[in-house]
Amino acid sequence: MTTATLARPATQTRPPLVSRTLMLVFLADFAGLTSFYLLLSVVPQYAASVGASGAGAGLTTAVLMAATVAAEFAMPQLVARFGYRPVLAAGLALLGLPTVALLLVPDPMAIVAVCVLRGVGLAIIFVVCGELAAAMVPAERRGEGLGVLGVVAGVPAVLAMPAGVWLAGQTGFGPVLVAGALTALAGLAAVAALPAIPRPVHSGQHNGMRAALRSRALVRPAAVFAATAVGAGAVMTVLPAALPAGSGHLAAVALLVLSDAATASRW
């Protein structure tokens, strides 16, 4: 009688999704985006309260996002020259420190200048944290890792944006601006704990982005995204200032519904 022995298939253990280093990147990303969303709808309100016109209040958000987009094109060169940790630390500092100037110099033009600096800081958070997350997640689990990064970025949008408007209605603008500054600066602790990360080799990748702008396959969805982003940004900017005084609760609820719907649709 002949017997056959069936070999058990080798069990494959998947590599861990989140390492300690990646968790520190997530914490820095969370701190920077919480600061951004906490003040996104508050700064236009603050600008209106210190004498800016309706167009001037809206200009604060427009300048912020324009500076973000423009600065993103310089990120490959900056990271290649200075390294990930210094650039990421600079991004958090730009989101936090200039915010304090809003209290010291309550002037519409000063607010616009601060928004430019914060836009550069936001560009750093977007690009550097996204690139580090993609590089640190195991290749076979990259989709899961970027999904986790999406959750880390989505939670501040859901919670911090309406919370900032509500807090401004309860305590005034000062505490919210201070909270926005301190939240970004708290992320520096995570950056300081990061291990040494090799600098990427700059290979002219920014030329690829310019070429992408000439591609119909990319320009068409980008145009749709831009249109929806402009619409959402207009609502976030105008809604709190357009409601009657004392309607902070209503504005906070409306922004909460907006951010919840956007996050749920994205998932």
C-alpha atoms as a PDB file:
ATOM      1  CA  MET A   1       0.000   0.000   0.000  1.00  0.00           C
ATOM      2  CA  THR A   2       1.375   3.340  -1.033  1.00  0.00           C
ATOM      3  CA  THR A   3       0.698   6.503   0.976  1.00  0.00           C
ATOM      4  CA  ALA A   4       1.202  10.033  -0.154  1.00  0.00           C
ATOM      5  CA  THR A   5       2.051  12.931   2.121  1.00  0.00           C
ATOM      6  CA  LEU A   6       0.479  16.233   1.180  1.00  0.00           C
ATOM      7  CA  ALA A   7       2.792  19.170   1.802  1.00  0.00           C
ATOM      8  CA  ARG A   8       1.207  22.082   3.588  1.00  0.00           C
ATOM      9  CA  PRO A   9       1.450  25.330   1.705  1.00  0.00           C
ATOM     10  CA  ALA A  10       3.911  27.707   3.305  1.00  0.00           C
ATOM     11  CA  THR A  11       2.121  30.380   5.265  1.00  0.00           C
ATOM     12  CA  GLN A  12       2.977  33.850   4.109  1.00  0.00           C
ATOM     13  CA  THR A  13       3.196  36.493   6.787  1.00  0.00           C
ATOM     14  CA  ARG A  14       2.434  39.953   5.591  1.00  0.00           C
ATOM     15  CA  PRO A  15       4.828  42.696   6.673  1.00  0.00           C
ATOM     16  CA  PRO A  16       3.480  45.146   9.251  1.00  0.00           C
ATOM     17  CA  LEU A  17       1.597  48.059   7.777  1.00  0.00           C
ATOM     18  CA  VAL A  18       2.575  50.859  10.158  1.00  0.00           C
ATOM     19  CA  SER A  19       6.084  51.149  11.572  1.00  0.00           C
ATOM     20  CA  ARG A  20       7.182  53.482  14.348  1.00  0.00           C
ATOM     21  CA  THR A  21       8.700  55.859  11.795  1.00  0.00           C
ATOM     22  CA  LEU A  22       5.517  55.922   9.735  1.00  0.00           C
ATOM     23  CA  MET A  23       3.468  56.580  12.874  1.00  0.00           C
ATOM     24  CA  LEU A  24       5.620  59.647  13.564  1.00  0.00           C
ATOM     25  CA  VAL A  25       4.955  60.840   9.996  1.00  0.00           C
ATOM     26  CA  PHE A  26       1.227  60.343  10.592  1.00  0.00           C
ATOM     27  CA  LEU A  27       1.430  62.385  13.799  1.00  0.00           C
ATOM     28  CA  ALA A  28       3.221  65.252  12.032  1.00  0.00           C
ATOM     29  CA  ASP A  29       0.671  65.119   9.220  1.00  0.00           C
ATOM     30  CA  PHE A  30      -2.226  65.096  11.688  1.00  0.00           C
ATOM     31  CA  ALA A  31      -0.830  68.078  13.601  1.00  0.00           C
ATOM     32  CA  GLY A  32      -0.269  70.153  10.478  1.00  0.00           C
ATOM     33  CA  LEU A  33      -3.657  69.421   8.940  1.00  0.00           C
ATOM     34  CA  THR A  34      -5.474  69.992  12.224  1.00  0.00           C
ATOM     35  CA  SER A  35      -3.923  73.460  12.368  1.00  0.00           C
ATOM     36  CA  PHE A  36      -4.909  74.081   8.744  1.00  0.00           C
ATOM     37  CA  TYR A  37      -8.530  72.985   9.085  1.00  0.00           C
ATOM     38  CA  LEU A  38      -8.979  74.606  12.487  1.00  0.00           C
ATOM     39  CA  LEU A  39      -8.326  78.034  10.953  1.00  0.00           C
ATOM     40  CA  LEU A  40      -9.581  77.490   7.399  1.00  0.00           C
ATOM     41  CA  SER A  41     -12.999  79.066   7.997  1.00  0.00           C
ATOM     42  CA  VAL A  42     -11.936  81.185  10.976  1.00  0.00           C
ATOM     43  CA  VAL A  43      -9.300  83.342   9.255  1.00  0.00           C
ATOM     44  CA  PRO A  44     -11.772  84.860   6.739  1.00  0.00           C
ATOM     45  CA  GLN A  45     -14.086  85.683   9.639  1.00  0.00           C
ATOM     46  CA  TYR A  46     -11.193  87.262  11.505  1.00  0.00           C
ATOM     47  CA  ALA A  47     -10.197  89.273   8.426  1.00  0.00           C
ATOM     48  CA  ALA A  48     -13.745  90.622   8.129  1.00  0.00           C
ATOM     49  CA  SER A  49     -13.743  91.533  11.813  1.00  0.00           C
ATOM     50  CA  VAL A  50     -10.623  93.711  11.425  1.00  0.00           C
ATOM     51  CA  GLY A  51     -11.934  95.657   8.446  1.00  0.00           C
ATOM     52  CA  ALA A  52     -11.525  93.492   5.348  1.00  0.00           C
ATOM     53  CA  SER A  53     -14.281  93.638   2.740  1.00  0.00           C
ATOM     54  CA  GLY A  54     -16.118  90.528   1.622  1.00  0.00           C
ATOM     55  CA  ALA A  55     -13.683  90.155  -1.269  1.00  0.00           C
ATOM     56  CA  GLY A  56     -10.766  90.744   1.084  1.00  0.00           C
ATOM     57  CA  ALA A  57     -11.967  88.007   3.434  1.00  0.00           C
ATOM     58  CA  GLY A  58     -12.298  85.610   0.527  1.00  0.00           C
ATOM     59  CA  LEU A  59      -8.838  86.595  -0.677  1.00  0.00           C
ATOM     60  CA  THR A  60      -7.309  85.021   2.420  1.00  0.00           C
ATOM     61  CA  THR A  61      -8.409  81.532   1.361  1.00  0.00           C
ATOM     62  CA  ALA A  62      -7.576  82.145  -2.314  1.00  0.00           C
ATOM     63  CA  VAL A  63      -4.047  83.280  -1.457  1.00  0.00           C
ATOM     64  CA  LEU A  64      -3.562  80.377   0.958  1.00  0.00           C
ATOM     65  CA  MET A  65      -4.441  77.747  -1.634  1.00  0.00           C
ATOM     66  CA  ALA A  66      -2.617  79.510  -4.485  1.00  0.00           C
ATOM     67  CA  ALA A  67       0.561  79.562  -2.400  1.00  0.00           C
ATOM     68  CA  THR A  68       0.055  75.876  -1.611  1.00  0.00           C
ATOM     69  CA  VAL A  69      -0.201  74.881  -5.263  1.00  0.00           C
ATOM     70  CA  ALA A  70       2.738  77.066  -6.330  1.00  0.00           C
ATOM     71  CA  ALA A  71       5.000  75.796  -3.535  1.00  0.00           C
ATOM     72  CA  GLU A  72       4.297  72.148  -4.338  1.00  0.00           C
ATOM     73  CA  PHE A  73       6.307  72.512  -7.564  1.00  0.00           C
ATOM     74  CA  ALA A  74       9.409  73.403  -5.535  1.00  0.00           C
ATOM     75  CA  MET A  75       9.182  70.481  -3.116  1.00  0.00           C
ATOM     76  CA  PRO A  76      11.382  68.004  -5.071  1.00  0.00           C
ATOM     77  CA  GLN A  77      14.277  70.465  -5.143  1.00  0.00           C
ATOM     78  CA  LEU A  78      13.865  71.508  -1.495  1.00  0.00           C
ATOM     79  CA  VAL A  79      13.747  67.950  -0.175  1.00  0.00           C
ATOM     80  CA  ALA A  80      16.697  66.883  -2.330  1.00  0.00           C
ATOM     81  CA  ARG A  81      18.774  69.786  -1.018  1.00  0.00           C
ATOM     82  CA  PHE A  82      17.834  69.912   2.679  1.00  0.00           C
ATOM     83  CA  GLY A  83      16.359  66.483   3.461  1.00  0.00           C
ATOM     84  CA  TYR A  84      12.950  65.355   4.667  1.00  0.00           C
ATOM     85  CA  ARG A  85      13.175  66.234   8.358  1.00  0.00           C
ATOM     86  CA  PRO A  86      14.306  69.885   8.019  1.00  0.00           C
ATOM     87  CA  VAL A  87      11.734  70.569   5.298  1.00  0.00           C
ATOM     88  CA  LEU A  88       8.915  68.917   7.261  1.00  0.00           C
ATOM     89  CA  ALA A  89       9.899  70.875  10.382  1.00  0.00           C
ATOM     90  CA  ALA A  90       9.867  74.085   8.336  1.00  0.00           C
ATOM     91  CA  GLY A  91       6.380  73.255   7.071  1.00  0.00           C
ATOM     92  CA  LEU A  92       4.995  72.876  10.580  1.00  0.00           C
ATOM     93  CA  ALA A  93       6.765  76.053  11.701  1.00  0.00           C
ATOM     94  CA  LEU A  94       5.269  77.993   8.773  1.00  0.00           C
ATOM     95  CA  LEU A  95       1.807  76.770   9.708  1.00  0.00           C
ATOM     96  CA  GLY A  96       2.280  77.706  13.354  1.00  0.00           C
ATOM     97  CA  LEU A  97       4.559  80.680  13.940  1.00  0.00           C
ATOM     98  CA  PRO A  98       3.077  83.184  11.441  1.00  0.00           C
ATOM     99  CA  THR A  99      -0.353  82.565  12.963  1.00  0.00           C
ATOM    100  CA  VAL A 100       0.766  84.338  16.127  1.00  0.00           C
ATOM    101  CA  ALA A 101       1.341  87.471  14.023  1.00  0.00           C
ATOM    102  CA  LEU A 102      -2.388  87.619  13.316  1.00  0.00           C
ATOM    103  CA  LEU A 103      -2.935  88.587  16.952  1.00  0.00           C
ATOM    104  CA  LEU A 104      -0.048  91.036  17.033  1.00  0.00           C
ATOM    105  CA  VAL A 105      -0.862  92.808  13.739  1.00  0.00           C
ATOM    106  CA  PRO A 106      -4.643  92.715  13.151  1.00  0.00           C
ATOM    107  CA  ASP A 107      -4.499  94.141   9.644  1.00  0.00           C
ATOM    108  CA  PRO A 108      -6.058  92.676   6.457  1.00  0.00           C
ATOM    109  CA  MET A 109      -2.801  92.876   4.470  1.00  0.00           C
ATOM    110  CA  ALA A 110      -0.870  91.225   7.292  1.00  0.00           C
ATOM    111  CA  ILE A 111      -3.447  88.418   7.292  1.00  0.00           C
ATOM    112  CA  VAL A 112      -2.919  87.895   3.554  1.00  0.00           C
ATOM    113  CA  ALA A 113       0.858  87.722   4.076  1.00  0.00           C
ATOM    114  CA  VAL A 114       0.404  85.155   6.845  1.00  0.00           C
ATOM    115  CA  CYS A 115      -1.830  83.097   4.561  1.00  0.00           C
ATOM    116  CA  VAL A 116       0.937  82.992   1.942  1.00  0.00           C
ATOM    117  CA  LEU A 117       3.374  81.587   4.508  1.00  0.00           C
ATOM    118  CA  ARG A 118       0.833  79.104   5.806  1.00  0.00           C
ATOM    119  CA  GLY A 119       0.128  78.001   2.235  1.00  0.00           C
ATOM    120  CA  VAL A 120       3.806  77.138   1.758  1.00  0.00           C
ATOM    121  CA  GLY A 121       3.721  75.190   5.018  1.00  0.00           C
ATOM    122  CA  LEU A 122       0.626  73.319   3.903  1.00  0.00           C
ATOM    123  CA  ALA A 123       2.305  72.379   0.604  1.00  0.00           C
ATOM    124  CA  ILE A 124       5.177  70.851   2.570  1.00  0.00           C
ATOM    125  CA  ILE A 125       2.803  68.810   4.726  1.00  0.00           C
ATOM    126  CA  PHE A 126       0.903  67.524   1.698  1.00  0.00           C
ATOM    127  CA  VAL A 127       3.932  66.546  -0.373  1.00  0.00           C
ATOM    128  CA  VAL A 128       6.461  65.385   2.222  1.00  0.00           C
ATOM    129  CA  CYS A 129       4.071  63.349   4.377  1.00  0.00           C
ATOM    130  CA  GLY A 130       2.518  61.754   1.303  1.00  0.00           C
ATOM    131  CA  GLU A 131       5.898  60.861  -0.170  1.00  0.00           C
ATOM    132  CA  LEU A 132       7.233  59.467   3.104  1.00  0.00           C
ATOM    133  CA  ALA A 133       4.099  57.395   3.651  1.00  0.00           C
ATOM    134  CA  ALA A 134       4.277  55.912   0.157  1.00  0.00           C
ATOM    135  CA  ALA A 135       7.969  55.083   0.623  1.00  0.00           C
ATOM    136  CA  MET A 136       7.659  53.537   4.093  1.00  0.00           C
ATOM    137  CA  VAL A 137       4.677  51.282   3.508  1.00  0.00           C
ATOM    138  CA  PRO A 138       5.594  47.813   2.159  1.00  0.00           C
ATOM    139  CA  ALA A 139       5.009  47.734  -1.593  1.00  0.00           C
ATOM    140  CA  GLU A 140       2.430  44.939  -1.377  1.00  0.00           C
ATOM    141  CA  ARG A 141       0.402  46.933   1.179  1.00  0.00           C
ATOM    142  CA  ARG A 142       0.838  50.403  -0.301  1.00  0.00           C
ATOM    143  CA  GLY A 143      -2.851  50.819  -1.083  1.00  0.00           C
ATOM    144  CA  GLU A 144      -3.751  50.066   2.537  1.00  0.00           C
ATOM    145  CA  GLY A 145      -1.082  52.416   3.832  1.00  0.00           C
ATOM    146  CA  LEU A 146      -2.237  55.317   1.693  1.00  0.00           C
ATOM    147  CA  GLY A 147      -5.779  54.567   2.827  1.00  0.00           C
ATOM    148  CA  VAL A 148      -4.658  54.958   6.440  1.00  0.00           C
ATOM    149  CA  LEU A 149      -2.972  58.234   5.484  1.00  0.00           C
ATOM    150  CA  GLY A 150      -6.290  59.320   3.990  1.00  0.00           C
ATOM    151  CA  VAL A 151      -8.012  58.644   7.308  1.00  0.00           C
ATOM    152  CA  VAL A 152      -5.311  60.591   9.175  1.00  0.00           C
ATOM    153  CA  ALA A 153      -5.887  63.521   6.811  1.00  0.00           C
ATOM    154  CA  GLY A 154      -9.683  63.179   6.852  1.00  0.00           C
ATOM    155  CA  VAL A 155     -10.245  63.279  10.605  1.00  0.00           C
ATOM    156  CA  PRO A 156      -9.009  66.909  10.982  1.00  0.00           C
ATOM    157  CA  ALA A 157     -11.327  67.955   8.145  1.00  0.00           C
ATOM    158  CA  VAL A 158     -14.292  66.333   9.873  1.00  0.00           C
ATOM    159  CA  LEU A 159     -13.562  67.584  13.387  1.00  0.00           C
ATOM    160  CA  ALA A 160     -11.247  70.607  13.360  1.00  0.00           C
ATOM    161  CA  MET A 161     -12.990  72.774  10.748  1.00  0.00           C
ATOM    162  CA  PRO A 162     -16.398  72.955  12.471  1.00  0.00           C
ATOM    163  CA  ALA A 163     -14.703  73.010  15.882  1.00  0.00           C
ATOM    164  CA  GLY A 164     -12.736  76.130  14.924  1.00  0.00           C
ATOM    165  CA  VAL A 165     -15.867  78.024  13.905  1.00  0.00           C
ATOM    166  CA  TRP A 166     -17.724  76.916  17.032  1.00  0.00           C
ATOM    167  CA  LEU A 167     -14.820  77.838  19.321  1.00  0.00           C
ATOM    168  CA  ALA A 168     -14.461  81.267  17.708  1.00  0.00           C
ATOM    169  CA  GLY A 169     -18.143  81.905  18.401  1.00  0.00           C
ATOM    170  CA  GLN A 170     -17.744  80.883  22.027  1.00  0.00           C
ATOM    171  CA  THR A 171     -14.402  82.397  23.023  1.00  0.00           C
ATOM    172  CA  GLY A 172     -13.465  84.877  20.284  1.00  0.00           C
ATOM    173  CA  PHE A 173     -10.728  84.623  17.685  1.00  0.00           C
ATOM    174  CA  GLY A 174      -7.705  84.786  20.009  1.00  0.00           C
ATOM    175  CA  PRO A 175      -7.961  81.299  21.570  1.00  0.00           C
ATOM    176  CA  VAL A 176      -8.633  79.681  18.178  1.00  0.00           C
ATOM    177  CA  LEU A 177      -5.619  81.343  16.561  1.00  0.00           C
ATOM    178  CA  VAL A 178      -3.409  80.309  19.472  1.00  0.00           C
ATOM    179  CA  ALA A 179      -4.753  76.747  19.271  1.00  0.00           C
ATOM    180  CA  GLY A 180      -4.019  76.641  15.546  1.00  0.00           C
ATOM    181  CA  ALA A 181      -0.456  77.804  16.122  1.00  0.00           C
ATOM    182  CA  LEU A 182       0.228  75.415  19.008  1.00  0.00           C
ATOM    183  CA  THR A 183      -1.257  72.432  17.191  1.00  0.00           C
ATOM    184  CA  ALA A 184       1.131  72.833  14.260  1.00  0.00           C
ATOM    185  CA  LEU A 185       4.134  73.429  16.529  1.00  0.00           C
ATOM    186  CA  ALA A 186       3.260  70.313  18.558  1.00  0.00           C
ATOM    187  CA  GLY A 187       3.979  68.276  15.435  1.00  0.00           C
ATOM    188  CA  LEU A 188       7.648  69.299  15.693  1.00  0.00           C
ATOM    189  CA  ALA A 189       8.015  66.748  18.504  1.00  0.00           C
ATOM    190  CA  ALA A 190       7.162  63.963  16.060  1.00  0.00           C
ATOM    191  CA  VAL A 191       9.626  65.333  13.494  1.00  0.00           C
ATOM    192  CA  ALA A 192      12.393  65.511  16.108  1.00  0.00           C
ATOM    193  CA  ALA A 193      11.813  61.832  16.932  1.00  0.00           C
ATOM    194  CA  LEU A 194      12.123  60.735  13.290  1.00  0.00           C
ATOM    195  CA  PRO A 195      15.265  58.738  12.475  1.00  0.00           C
ATOM    196  CA  ALA A 196      17.640  59.913   9.785  1.00  0.00           C
ATOM    197  CA  ILE A 197      15.980  59.550   6.384  1.00  0.00           C
ATOM    198  CA  PRO A 198      18.164  59.518   3.251  1.00  0.00           C
ATOM    199  CA  ARG A 199      17.622  62.437   0.910  1.00  0.00           C
ATOM    200  CA  PRO A 200      16.057  61.596  -2.433  1.00  0.00           C
ATOM    201  CA  VAL A 201      18.141  62.094  -5.541  1.00  0.00           C
ATOM    202  CA  HIS A 202      16.710  65.022  -7.491  1.00  0.00           C
ATOM    203  CA  SER A 203      16.149  63.889 -11.069  1.00  0.00           C
ATOM    204  CA  GLY A 204      14.173  66.747 -12.585  1.00  0.00           C
ATOM    205  CA  GLN A 205      10.841  65.206 -11.683  1.00  0.00           C
ATOM    206  CA  HIS A 206       9.267  68.672 -11.676  1.00  0.00           C
ATOM    207  CA  ASN A 207       9.602  68.624 -15.461  1.00  0.00           C
ATOM    208  CA  GLY A 208       7.291  65.610 -15.408  1.00  0.00           C
ATOM    209  CA  MET A 209       4.668  67.691 -13.601  1.00  0.00           C
ATOM    210  CA  ARG A 210       4.859  70.337 -16.292  1.00  0.00           C
ATOM    211  CA  ALA A 211       4.424  67.658 -18.915  1.00  0.00           C
ATOM    212  CA  ALA A 212       1.444  66.295 -17.006  1.00  0.00           C
ATOM    213  CA  LEU A 213      -0.295  69.645 -17.364  1.00  0.00           C
ATOM    214  CA  ARG A 214      -0.236  69.100 -21.122  1.00  0.00           C
ATOM    215  CA  SER A 215      -1.839  65.656 -20.888  1.00  0.00           C
ATOM    216  CA  ARG A 216      -5.553  65.495 -21.640  1.00  0.00           C
ATOM    217  CA  ALA A 217      -5.871  62.328 -19.582  1.00  0.00           C
ATOM    218  CA  LEU A 218      -4.785  64.267 -16.498  1.00  0.00           C
ATOM    219  CA  VAL A 219      -6.083  67.745 -17.288  1.00  0.00           C
ATOM    220  CA  ARG A 220      -9.716  66.680 -17.626  1.00  0.00           C
ATOM    221  CA  PRO A 221     -10.103  65.044 -14.181  1.00  0.00           C
ATOM    222  CA  ALA A 222      -7.930  67.800 -12.720  1.00  0.00           C
ATOM    223  CA  ALA A 223     -10.369  70.383 -14.091  1.00  0.00           C
ATOM    224  CA  VAL A 224     -13.295  68.580 -12.447  1.00  0.00           C
ATOM    225  CA  PHE A 225     -11.374  68.391  -9.183  1.00  0.00           C
ATOM    226  CA  ALA A 226     -10.460  72.082  -9.391  1.00  0.00           C
ATOM    227  CA  ALA A 227     -14.084  73.085  -9.986  1.00  0.00           C
ATOM    228  CA  THR A 228     -15.363  71.117  -6.997  1.00  0.00           C
ATOM    229  CA  ALA A 229     -12.482  72.336  -4.821  1.00  0.00           C
ATOM    230  CA  VAL A 230     -13.250  75.960  -5.681  1.00  0.00           C
ATOM    231  CA  GLY A 231     -16.919  75.427  -4.842  1.00  0.00           C
ATOM    232  CA  ALA A 232     -16.156  73.743  -1.531  1.00  0.00           C
ATOM    233  CA  GLY A 233     -13.569  76.398  -0.667  1.00  0.00           C
ATOM    234  CA  ALA A 234     -16.080  79.148  -1.369  1.00  0.00           C
ATOM    235  CA  VAL A 235     -18.612  77.565   0.979  1.00  0.00           C
ATOM    236  CA  MET A 236     -16.016  77.076   3.730  1.00  0.00           C
ATOM    237  CA  THR A 237     -14.880  80.681   3.392  1.00  0.00           C
ATOM    238  CA  VAL A 238     -18.152  82.553   2.932  1.00  0.00           C
ATOM    239  CA  LEU A 239     -20.631  80.554   5.004  1.00  0.00           C
ATOM    240  CA  PRO A 240     -19.442  81.483   8.530  1.00  0.00           C
ATOM    241  CA  ALA A 241     -19.102  85.173   7.616  1.00  0.00           C
ATOM    242  CA  ALA A 242     -22.408  85.304   5.724  1.00  0.00           C
ATOM    243  CA  LEU A 243     -24.566  84.056   8.588  1.00  0.00           C
ATOM    244  CA  PRO A 244     -25.942  86.599  11.081  1.00  0.00           C
ATOM    245  CA  ALA A 245     -23.988  87.330  14.238  1.00  0.00           C
ATOM    246  CA  GLY A 246     -24.569  84.720  16.902  1.00  0.00           C
ATOM    247  CA  SER A 247     -25.064  81.906  14.370  1.00  0.00           C
ATOM    248  CA  GLY A 248     -21.803  80.153  15.180  1.00  0.00           C
ATOM    249  CA  HIS A 249     -23.577  76.937  16.119  1.00  0.00           C
ATOM    250  CA  LEU A 250     -25.396  76.827  12.784  1.00  0.00           C
ATOM    251  CA  ALA A 251     -22.193  77.467  10.831  1.00  0.00           C
ATOM    252  CA  ALA A 252     -20.362  74.758  12.778  1.00  0.00           C
ATOM    253  CA  VAL A 253     -23.127  72.232  12.092  1.00  0.00           C
ATOM    254  CA  ALA A 254     -23.196  73.138   8.386  1.00  0.00           C
ATOM    255  CA  LEU A 255     -19.414  72.717   8.076  1.00  0.00           C
ATOM    256  CA  LEU A 256     -19.594  69.428   9.974  1.00  0.00           C
ATOM    257  CA  VAL A 257     -22.201  68.118   7.521  1.00  0.00           C
ATOM    258  CA  LEU A 258     -20.086  69.328   4.575  1.00  0.00           C
ATOM    259  CA  SER A 259     -16.876  67.677   5.796  1.00  0.00           C
ATOM    260  CA  ASP A 260     -18.680  64.459   6.783  1.00  0.00           C
ATOM    261  CA  ALA A 261     -20.308  64.195   3.356  1.00  0.00           C
ATOM    262  CA  ALA A 262     -17.002  64.857   1.574  1.00  0.00           C
ATOM    263  CA  THR A 263     -15.127  62.273   3.653  1.00  0.00           C
ATOM    264  CA  ALA A 264     -17.858  59.632   3.307  1.00  0.00           C
ATOM    265  CA  SER A 265     -18.035  60.166  -0.462  1.00  0.00           C
ATOM    266  CA  ARG A 266     -14.243  59.904  -0.757  1.00  0.00           C
ATOM    267  CA  TRP A 267     -14.163  56.613   1.155  1.00  0.00           C
END
